[in-house]
Amino acid sequence: MVTSSSSSSILFCLTVSLLLLLLPLPSHCADPDPLLDLCVANLTASTSSGNFPCKLPSEVTADDFVFDGLSKQGNVTNLFGVAVTTGNVLSFPGLNTLGLSMNRVDFGPGGINPPHSHPRASEIGIVIEGKILSGIVTTKNVYYGKVMTAGQVFAVPRGLVHFELNLGQTKAFFFTAFNSHLPGSTVLPLSLFAAAPSIPMEVLTKTYLVDEDAINAMKSKFVF
């Protein structure tokens, strides 16, 4: 005879087992595993999932697997003195479904890659030239910072706010790689003060505990 207590225990075990099956395995990378040898992105097709449809095999060429954009120095004559050259699936269609991408980040003297985050990928980078302060902030507001020079490698966990600052008086640059073919980037000052349409003024004044004049002064710096 099955008691009420036994039935509850069985139901509990079945529920837990089902939930464990539905949870993603810890070994999964940021992007789903590819199911084909290659799936070169058809960038002219629309996508709603982050993976582009594959080109027809007859349309694939060797050029789809080569990207020379990271060999060129970026233009750092801008507000932050930084240029980010992205080697993701949008510029390098051979990366589609591979869970990989790379950026080149160039700095003018004193340039900064302002606080930002990558919602879909962890990051690893190597300094090629210059003296760069790399900093990350955890969700508990703990700050970790390190001054790095050529040859040193840094890592940024997925989704954490981080920045890089050129401490030198000359240009600097580094390469960075991601475990996503489209990691995304949320740049905090631009998201807050250059959003379109604008974030409501009341939200900004209450967030920063300042008046509207102070917020308008900040917004005026991000008019492009």
C-alpha atoms as a PDB file:
ATOM      1  CA  MET A   1       0.000   0.000   0.000  1.00  0.00           C
ATOM      2  CA  VAL A   2       1.404   3.408  -1.006  1.00  0.00           C
ATOM      3  CA  THR A   3       1.016   5.985   1.755  1.00  0.00           C
ATOM      4  CA  SER A   4       0.481   9.700   1.278  1.00  0.00           C
ATOM      5  CA  SER A   5       4.005  10.317   2.585  1.00  0.00           C
ATOM      6  CA  SER A   6       5.476   7.865   0.058  1.00  0.00           C
ATOM      7  CA  SER A   7       3.550   9.497  -2.794  1.00  0.00           C
ATOM      8  CA  SER A   8       4.857  12.919  -1.806  1.00  0.00           C
ATOM      9  CA  SER A   9       8.447  11.611  -1.718  1.00  0.00           C
ATOM     10  CA  ILE A  10       8.118  10.029  -5.146  1.00  0.00           C
ATOM     11  CA  LEU A  11       6.605  13.217  -6.602  1.00  0.00           C
ATOM     12  CA  PHE A  12       9.391  15.299  -5.061  1.00  0.00           C
ATOM     13  CA  CYS A  13      12.100  13.039  -6.539  1.00  0.00           C
ATOM     14  CA  LEU A  14      10.473  13.125  -9.971  1.00  0.00           C
ATOM     15  CA  THR A  15      10.219  16.940  -9.859  1.00  0.00           C
ATOM     16  CA  VAL A  16      13.880  17.345  -8.854  1.00  0.00           C
ATOM     17  CA  SER A  17      14.978  14.930 -11.601  1.00  0.00           C
ATOM     18  CA  LEU A  18      12.984  16.861 -14.197  1.00  0.00           C
ATOM     19  CA  LEU A  19      14.469  20.177 -13.098  1.00  0.00           C
ATOM     20  CA  LEU A  20      18.001  18.774 -13.270  1.00  0.00           C
ATOM     21  CA  LEU A  21      17.349  17.598 -16.816  1.00  0.00           C
ATOM     22  CA  LEU A  22      16.110  21.041 -17.816  1.00  0.00           C
ATOM     23  CA  LEU A  23      19.063  22.925 -16.320  1.00  0.00           C
ATOM     24  CA  PRO A  24      21.939  23.733 -18.722  1.00  0.00           C
ATOM     25  CA  LEU A  25      25.051  21.666 -18.146  1.00  0.00           C
ATOM     26  CA  PRO A  26      27.974  23.622 -16.625  1.00  0.00           C
ATOM     27  CA  SER A  27      30.206  22.564 -19.526  1.00  0.00           C
ATOM     28  CA  HIS A  28      28.130  24.508 -22.077  1.00  0.00           C
ATOM     29  CA  CYS A  29      29.910  27.481 -23.609  1.00  0.00           C
ATOM     30  CA  ALA A  30      28.314  30.865 -24.185  1.00  0.00           C
ATOM     31  CA  ASP A  31      27.102  29.896 -27.651  1.00  0.00           C
ATOM     32  CA  PRO A  32      25.403  26.591 -28.563  1.00  0.00           C
ATOM     33  CA  ASP A  33      27.580  23.825 -29.971  1.00  0.00           C
ATOM     34  CA  PRO A  34      27.722  23.730 -33.796  1.00  0.00           C
ATOM     35  CA  LEU A  35      25.957  20.862 -35.531  1.00  0.00           C
ATOM     36  CA  LEU A  36      27.751  21.207 -38.893  1.00  0.00           C
ATOM     37  CA  ASP A  37      31.378  21.265 -40.009  1.00  0.00           C
ATOM     38  CA  LEU A  38      30.888  24.903 -40.923  1.00  0.00           C
ATOM     39  CA  CYS A  39      28.063  27.399 -41.144  1.00  0.00           C
ATOM     40  CA  VAL A  40      29.345  30.575 -42.731  1.00  0.00           C
ATOM     41  CA  ALA A  41      26.888  33.338 -41.922  1.00  0.00           C
ATOM     42  CA  ASN A  42      24.536  34.600 -44.573  1.00  0.00           C
ATOM     43  CA  LEU A  43      24.600  38.196 -43.333  1.00  0.00           C
ATOM     44  CA  THR A  44      21.872  39.285 -45.735  1.00  0.00           C
ATOM     45  CA  ALA A  45      19.338  37.039 -44.004  1.00  0.00           C
ATOM     46  CA  SER A  46      17.415  38.094 -40.928  1.00  0.00           C
ATOM     47  CA  THR A  47      18.062  36.420 -37.583  1.00  0.00           C
ATOM     48  CA  SER A  48      16.212  36.383 -34.288  1.00  0.00           C
ATOM     49  CA  SER A  49      18.438  33.998 -32.344  1.00  0.00           C
ATOM     50  CA  GLY A  50      21.989  35.307 -32.788  1.00  0.00           C
ATOM     51  CA  ASN A  51      22.899  32.524 -35.224  1.00  0.00           C
ATOM     52  CA  PHE A  52      22.685  33.502 -38.865  1.00  0.00           C
ATOM     53  CA  PRO A  53      21.473  31.027 -41.477  1.00  0.00           C
ATOM     54  CA  CYS A  54      24.270  29.230 -43.308  1.00  0.00           C
ATOM     55  CA  LYS A  55      25.454  30.208 -46.748  1.00  0.00           C
ATOM     56  CA  LEU A  56      25.003  27.588 -49.409  1.00  0.00           C
ATOM     57  CA  PRO A  57      28.172  25.436 -49.620  1.00  0.00           C
ATOM     58  CA  SER A  58      28.617  26.559 -53.224  1.00  0.00           C
ATOM     59  CA  GLU A  59      28.842  30.192 -52.041  1.00  0.00           C
ATOM     60  CA  VAL A  60      31.495  29.629 -49.345  1.00  0.00           C
ATOM     61  CA  THR A  61      35.026  30.824 -50.112  1.00  0.00           C
ATOM     62  CA  ALA A  62      38.365  30.878 -48.271  1.00  0.00           C
ATOM     63  CA  ASP A  63      37.854  34.605 -47.635  1.00  0.00           C
ATOM     64  CA  ASP A  64      34.972  33.753 -45.288  1.00  0.00           C
ATOM     65  CA  PHE A  65      37.531  32.289 -42.864  1.00  0.00           C
ATOM     66  CA  VAL A  66      39.999  35.202 -42.972  1.00  0.00           C
ATOM     67  CA  PHE A  67      39.656  38.654 -41.386  1.00  0.00           C
ATOM     68  CA  ASP A  68      42.375  41.320 -41.641  1.00  0.00           C
ATOM     69  CA  GLY A  69      40.614  44.094 -39.730  1.00  0.00           C
ATOM     70  CA  LEU A  70      42.665  43.559 -36.564  1.00  0.00           C
ATOM     71  CA  SER A  71      45.885  44.356 -38.444  1.00  0.00           C
ATOM     72  CA  LYS A  72      44.850  48.002 -38.828  1.00  0.00           C
ATOM     73  CA  GLN A  73      45.221  50.691 -36.161  1.00  0.00           C
ATOM     74  CA  GLY A  74      41.911  52.264 -35.173  1.00  0.00           C
ATOM     75  CA  ASN A  75      41.118  55.990 -35.209  1.00  0.00           C
ATOM     76  CA  VAL A  76      41.413  57.251 -31.610  1.00  0.00           C
ATOM     77  CA  THR A  77      40.459  60.873 -32.273  1.00  0.00           C
ATOM     78  CA  ASN A  78      37.200  60.748 -30.341  1.00  0.00           C
ATOM     79  CA  LEU A  79      35.682  61.558 -26.954  1.00  0.00           C
ATOM     80  CA  PHE A  80      37.343  58.645 -25.140  1.00  0.00           C
ATOM     81  CA  GLY A  81      40.551  58.392 -27.151  1.00  0.00           C
ATOM     82  CA  VAL A  82      39.856  54.734 -27.942  1.00  0.00           C
ATOM     83  CA  ALA A  83      38.989  52.649 -30.993  1.00  0.00           C
ATOM     84  CA  VAL A  84      37.484  49.170 -30.800  1.00  0.00           C
ATOM     85  CA  THR A  85      37.775  47.090 -33.979  1.00  0.00           C
ATOM     86  CA  THR A  86      35.412  44.127 -33.713  1.00  0.00           C
ATOM     87  CA  GLY A  87      36.127  40.760 -35.286  1.00  0.00           C
ATOM     88  CA  ASN A  88      32.768  39.145 -34.609  1.00  0.00           C
ATOM     89  CA  VAL A  89      30.364  37.313 -36.880  1.00  0.00           C
ATOM     90  CA  LEU A  90      29.119  40.584 -38.385  1.00  0.00           C
ATOM     91  CA  SER A  91      32.542  41.318 -39.878  1.00  0.00           C
ATOM     92  CA  PHE A  92      33.924  37.765 -39.962  1.00  0.00           C
ATOM     93  CA  PRO A  93      31.106  35.465 -41.185  1.00  0.00           C
ATOM     94  CA  GLY A  94      33.167  32.280 -40.816  1.00  0.00           C
ATOM     95  CA  LEU A  95      32.752  32.599 -37.031  1.00  0.00           C
ATOM     96  CA  ASN A  96      29.050  31.810 -37.183  1.00  0.00           C
ATOM     97  CA  THR A  97      28.161  29.081 -34.614  1.00  0.00           C
ATOM     98  CA  LEU A  98      31.808  28.704 -33.487  1.00  0.00           C
ATOM     99  CA  GLY A  99      31.473  30.594 -30.191  1.00  0.00           C
ATOM    100  CA  LEU A 100      34.586  32.687 -30.904  1.00  0.00           C
ATOM    101  CA  SER A 101      35.442  36.305 -31.705  1.00  0.00           C
ATOM    102  CA  MET A 102      38.261  38.821 -31.252  1.00  0.00           C
ATOM    103  CA  ASN A 103      38.637  42.589 -30.904  1.00  0.00           C
ATOM    104  CA  ARG A 104      41.505  45.020 -31.270  1.00  0.00           C
ATOM    105  CA  VAL A 105      41.438  47.978 -28.875  1.00  0.00           C
ATOM    106  CA  ASP A 106      43.635  51.018 -29.659  1.00  0.00           C
ATOM    107  CA  PHE A 107      44.258  53.902 -27.250  1.00  0.00           C
ATOM    108  CA  GLY A 108      45.582  57.391 -27.715  1.00  0.00           C
ATOM    109  CA  PRO A 109      47.688  58.840 -24.869  1.00  0.00           C
ATOM    110  CA  GLY A 110      45.476  58.771 -21.779  1.00  0.00           C
ATOM    111  CA  GLY A 111      42.650  57.082 -23.701  1.00  0.00           C
ATOM    112  CA  ILE A 112      40.041  54.988 -21.901  1.00  0.00           C
ATOM    113  CA  ASN A 113      37.792  52.107 -22.844  1.00  0.00           C
ATOM    114  CA  PRO A 114      35.034  53.263 -20.469  1.00  0.00           C
ATOM    115  CA  PRO A 115      33.203  50.997 -18.033  1.00  0.00           C
ATOM    116  CA  HIS A 116      31.256  48.416 -20.021  1.00  0.00           C
ATOM    117  CA  SER A 117      30.158  44.796 -19.968  1.00  0.00           C
ATOM    118  CA  HIS A 118      29.713  41.912 -22.407  1.00  0.00           C
ATOM    119  CA  PRO A 119      26.400  40.194 -21.665  1.00  0.00           C
ATOM    120  CA  ARG A 120      27.044  37.081 -23.726  1.00  0.00           C
ATOM    121  CA  ALA A 121      30.719  36.200 -23.185  1.00  0.00           C
ATOM    122  CA  SER A 122      33.744  35.993 -20.942  1.00  0.00           C
ATOM    123  CA  GLU A 123      36.854  37.749 -22.208  1.00  0.00           C
ATOM    124  CA  ILE A 124      40.605  37.193 -22.300  1.00  0.00           C
ATOM    125  CA  GLY A 125      43.066  39.759 -23.613  1.00  0.00           C
ATOM    126  CA  ILE A 126      46.769  40.317 -24.154  1.00  0.00           C
ATOM    127  CA  VAL A 127      48.543  43.670 -24.101  1.00  0.00           C
ATOM    128  CA  ILE A 128      50.680  44.196 -27.196  1.00  0.00           C
ATOM    129  CA  GLU A 129      51.960  47.702 -26.599  1.00  0.00           C
ATOM    130  CA  GLY A 130      51.759  50.285 -23.834  1.00  0.00           C
ATOM    131  CA  LYS A 131      50.973  50.499 -20.129  1.00  0.00           C
ATOM    132  CA  ILE A 132      47.316  49.755 -19.419  1.00  0.00           C
ATOM    133  CA  LEU A 133      45.277  49.717 -16.214  1.00  0.00           C
ATOM    134  CA  SER A 134      42.655  46.969 -16.434  1.00  0.00           C
ATOM    135  CA  GLY A 135      39.884  46.918 -13.829  1.00  0.00           C
ATOM    136  CA  ILE A 136      36.794  44.829 -13.114  1.00  0.00           C
ATOM    137  CA  VAL A 137      33.985  45.241 -10.581  1.00  0.00           C
ATOM    138  CA  THR A 138      32.036  42.290  -9.184  1.00  0.00           C
ATOM    139  CA  THR A 139      28.322  42.158  -8.431  1.00  0.00           C
ATOM    140  CA  LYS A 140      29.263  42.756  -4.773  1.00  0.00           C
ATOM    141  CA  ASN A 141      30.996  46.016  -5.814  1.00  0.00           C
ATOM    142  CA  VAL A 142      34.497  44.654  -5.213  1.00  0.00           C
ATOM    143  CA  TYR A 143      37.077  46.275  -7.504  1.00  0.00           C
ATOM    144  CA  TYR A 144      40.113  44.452  -8.898  1.00  0.00           C
ATOM    145  CA  GLY A 145      42.655  46.468 -10.880  1.00  0.00           C
ATOM    146  CA  LYS A 146      46.098  45.768 -12.324  1.00  0.00           C
ATOM    147  CA  VAL A 147      48.583  47.778 -14.383  1.00  0.00           C
ATOM    148  CA  MET A 148      49.796  45.662 -17.294  1.00  0.00           C
ATOM    149  CA  THR A 149      52.471  45.923 -19.945  1.00  0.00           C
ATOM    150  CA  ALA A 150      53.229  44.095 -23.200  1.00  0.00           C
ATOM    151  CA  GLY A 151      52.842  40.329 -23.009  1.00  0.00           C
ATOM    152  CA  GLN A 152      50.612  40.260 -19.945  1.00  0.00           C
ATOM    153  CA  VAL A 153      47.202  38.608 -20.201  1.00  0.00           C
ATOM    154  CA  PHE A 154      43.986  39.565 -18.397  1.00  0.00           C
ATOM    155  CA  ALA A 155      40.589  37.905 -17.985  1.00  0.00           C
ATOM    156  CA  VAL A 156      37.084  39.310 -17.450  1.00  0.00           C
ATOM    157  CA  PRO A 157      34.220  37.050 -16.275  1.00  0.00           C
ATOM    158  CA  ARG A 158      31.056  37.174 -18.341  1.00  0.00           C
ATOM    159  CA  GLY A 159      28.784  40.140 -17.697  1.00  0.00           C
ATOM    160  CA  LEU A 160      31.015  42.002 -15.198  1.00  0.00           C
ATOM    161  CA  VAL A 161      31.619  45.727 -15.578  1.00  0.00           C
ATOM    162  CA  HIS A 162      35.231  46.456 -16.563  1.00  0.00           C
ATOM    163  CA  PHE A 163      37.422  49.117 -18.166  1.00  0.00           C
ATOM    164  CA  GLU A 164      40.903  49.741 -19.541  1.00  0.00           C
ATOM    165  CA  LEU A 165      42.908  52.979 -19.239  1.00  0.00           C
ATOM    166  CA  ASN A 166      46.097  53.890 -21.094  1.00  0.00           C
ATOM    167  CA  LEU A 167      48.452  55.230 -18.415  1.00  0.00           C
ATOM    168  CA  GLY A 168      51.228  56.040 -20.874  1.00  0.00           C
ATOM    169  CA  GLN A 169      52.026  59.141 -22.876  1.00  0.00           C
ATOM    170  CA  THR A 170      52.087  57.204 -26.159  1.00  0.00           C
ATOM    171  CA  LYS A 171      49.623  55.025 -28.032  1.00  0.00           C
ATOM    172  CA  ALA A 172      48.782  51.548 -26.723  1.00  0.00           C
ATOM    173  CA  PHE A 173      46.754  48.571 -27.881  1.00  0.00           C
ATOM    174  CA  PHE A 174      45.706  45.045 -26.987  1.00  0.00           C
ATOM    175  CA  PHE A 175      43.877  42.105 -28.518  1.00  0.00           C
ATOM    176  CA  THR A 176      40.981  40.437 -26.759  1.00  0.00           C
ATOM    177  CA  ALA A 177      39.047  37.236 -27.418  1.00  0.00           C
ATOM    178  CA  PHE A 178      35.551  36.063 -26.427  1.00  0.00           C
ATOM    179  CA  ASN A 179      33.721  32.753 -26.148  1.00  0.00           C
ATOM    180  CA  SER A 180      30.869  34.024 -28.304  1.00  0.00           C
ATOM    181  CA  HIS A 181      30.661  34.931 -31.970  1.00  0.00           C
ATOM    182  CA  LEU A 182      28.619  38.010 -30.971  1.00  0.00           C
ATOM    183  CA  PRO A 183      29.452  38.962 -27.339  1.00  0.00           C
ATOM    184  CA  GLY A 184      27.696  42.332 -27.337  1.00  0.00           C
ATOM    185  CA  SER A 185      28.823  45.400 -25.395  1.00  0.00           C
ATOM    186  CA  THR A 186      26.947  47.698 -23.046  1.00  0.00           C
ATOM    187  CA  VAL A 187      28.920  50.931 -22.517  1.00  0.00           C
ATOM    188  CA  LEU A 188      27.597  52.440 -19.293  1.00  0.00           C
ATOM    189  CA  PRO A 189      27.956  56.205 -19.975  1.00  0.00           C
ATOM    190  CA  LEU A 190      26.447  55.856 -23.443  1.00  0.00           C
ATOM    191  CA  SER A 191      23.602  53.667 -22.199  1.00  0.00           C
ATOM    192  CA  LEU A 192      22.718  56.185 -19.480  1.00  0.00           C
ATOM    193  CA  PHE A 193      23.298  59.530 -21.171  1.00  0.00           C
ATOM    194  CA  ALA A 194      23.016  58.857 -24.904  1.00  0.00           C
ATOM    195  CA  ALA A 195      20.088  56.436 -25.063  1.00  0.00           C
ATOM    196  CA  ALA A 196      17.444  57.136 -27.713  1.00  0.00           C
ATOM    197  CA  PRO A 197      14.800  57.865 -26.708  1.00  0.00           C
ATOM    198  CA  SER A 198      16.279  59.328 -23.541  1.00  0.00           C
ATOM    199  CA  ILE A 199      15.972  57.711 -20.132  1.00  0.00           C
ATOM    200  CA  PRO A 200      13.423  59.792 -18.150  1.00  0.00           C
ATOM    201  CA  MET A 201      15.087  62.707 -16.372  1.00  0.00           C
ATOM    202  CA  GLU A 202      13.550  61.727 -13.033  1.00  0.00           C
ATOM    203  CA  VAL A 203      15.247  58.345 -13.208  1.00  0.00           C
ATOM    204  CA  LEU A 204      18.665  59.920 -13.767  1.00  0.00           C
ATOM    205  CA  THR A 205      18.331  62.649 -11.138  1.00  0.00           C
ATOM    206  CA  LYS A 206      17.174  60.164  -8.509  1.00  0.00           C
ATOM    207  CA  THR A 207      19.869  57.662  -9.485  1.00  0.00           C
ATOM    208  CA  TYR A 208      22.757  60.137  -9.269  1.00  0.00           C
ATOM    209  CA  LEU A 209      21.256  62.340  -6.517  1.00  0.00           C
ATOM    210  CA  VAL A 210      21.776  65.505  -8.572  1.00  0.00           C
ATOM    211  CA  ASP A 211      19.538  68.071 -10.229  1.00  0.00           C
ATOM    212  CA  GLU A 212      18.496  68.331 -13.876  1.00  0.00           C
ATOM    213  CA  ASP A 213      21.241  70.837 -14.703  1.00  0.00           C
ATOM    214  CA  ALA A 214      23.896  68.299 -13.735  1.00  0.00           C
ATOM    215  CA  ILE A 215      22.248  65.590 -15.849  1.00  0.00           C
ATOM    216  CA  ASN A 216      21.916  67.925 -18.838  1.00  0.00           C
ATOM    217  CA  ALA A 217      25.587  68.842 -18.479  1.00  0.00           C
ATOM    218  CA  MET A 218      26.485  65.151 -18.647  1.00  0.00           C
ATOM    219  CA  LYS A 219      24.200  64.522 -21.622  1.00  0.00           C
ATOM    220  CA  SER A 220      25.744  67.417 -23.548  1.00  0.00           C
ATOM    221  CA  LYS A 221      29.088  65.600 -23.534  1.00  0.00           C
ATOM    222  CA  PHE A 222      27.618  62.614 -25.342  1.00  0.00           C
ATOM    223  CA  VAL A 223      26.014  64.389 -28.297  1.00  0.00           C
ATOM    224  CA  PHE A 224      27.601  62.980 -31.441  1.00  0.00           C
END
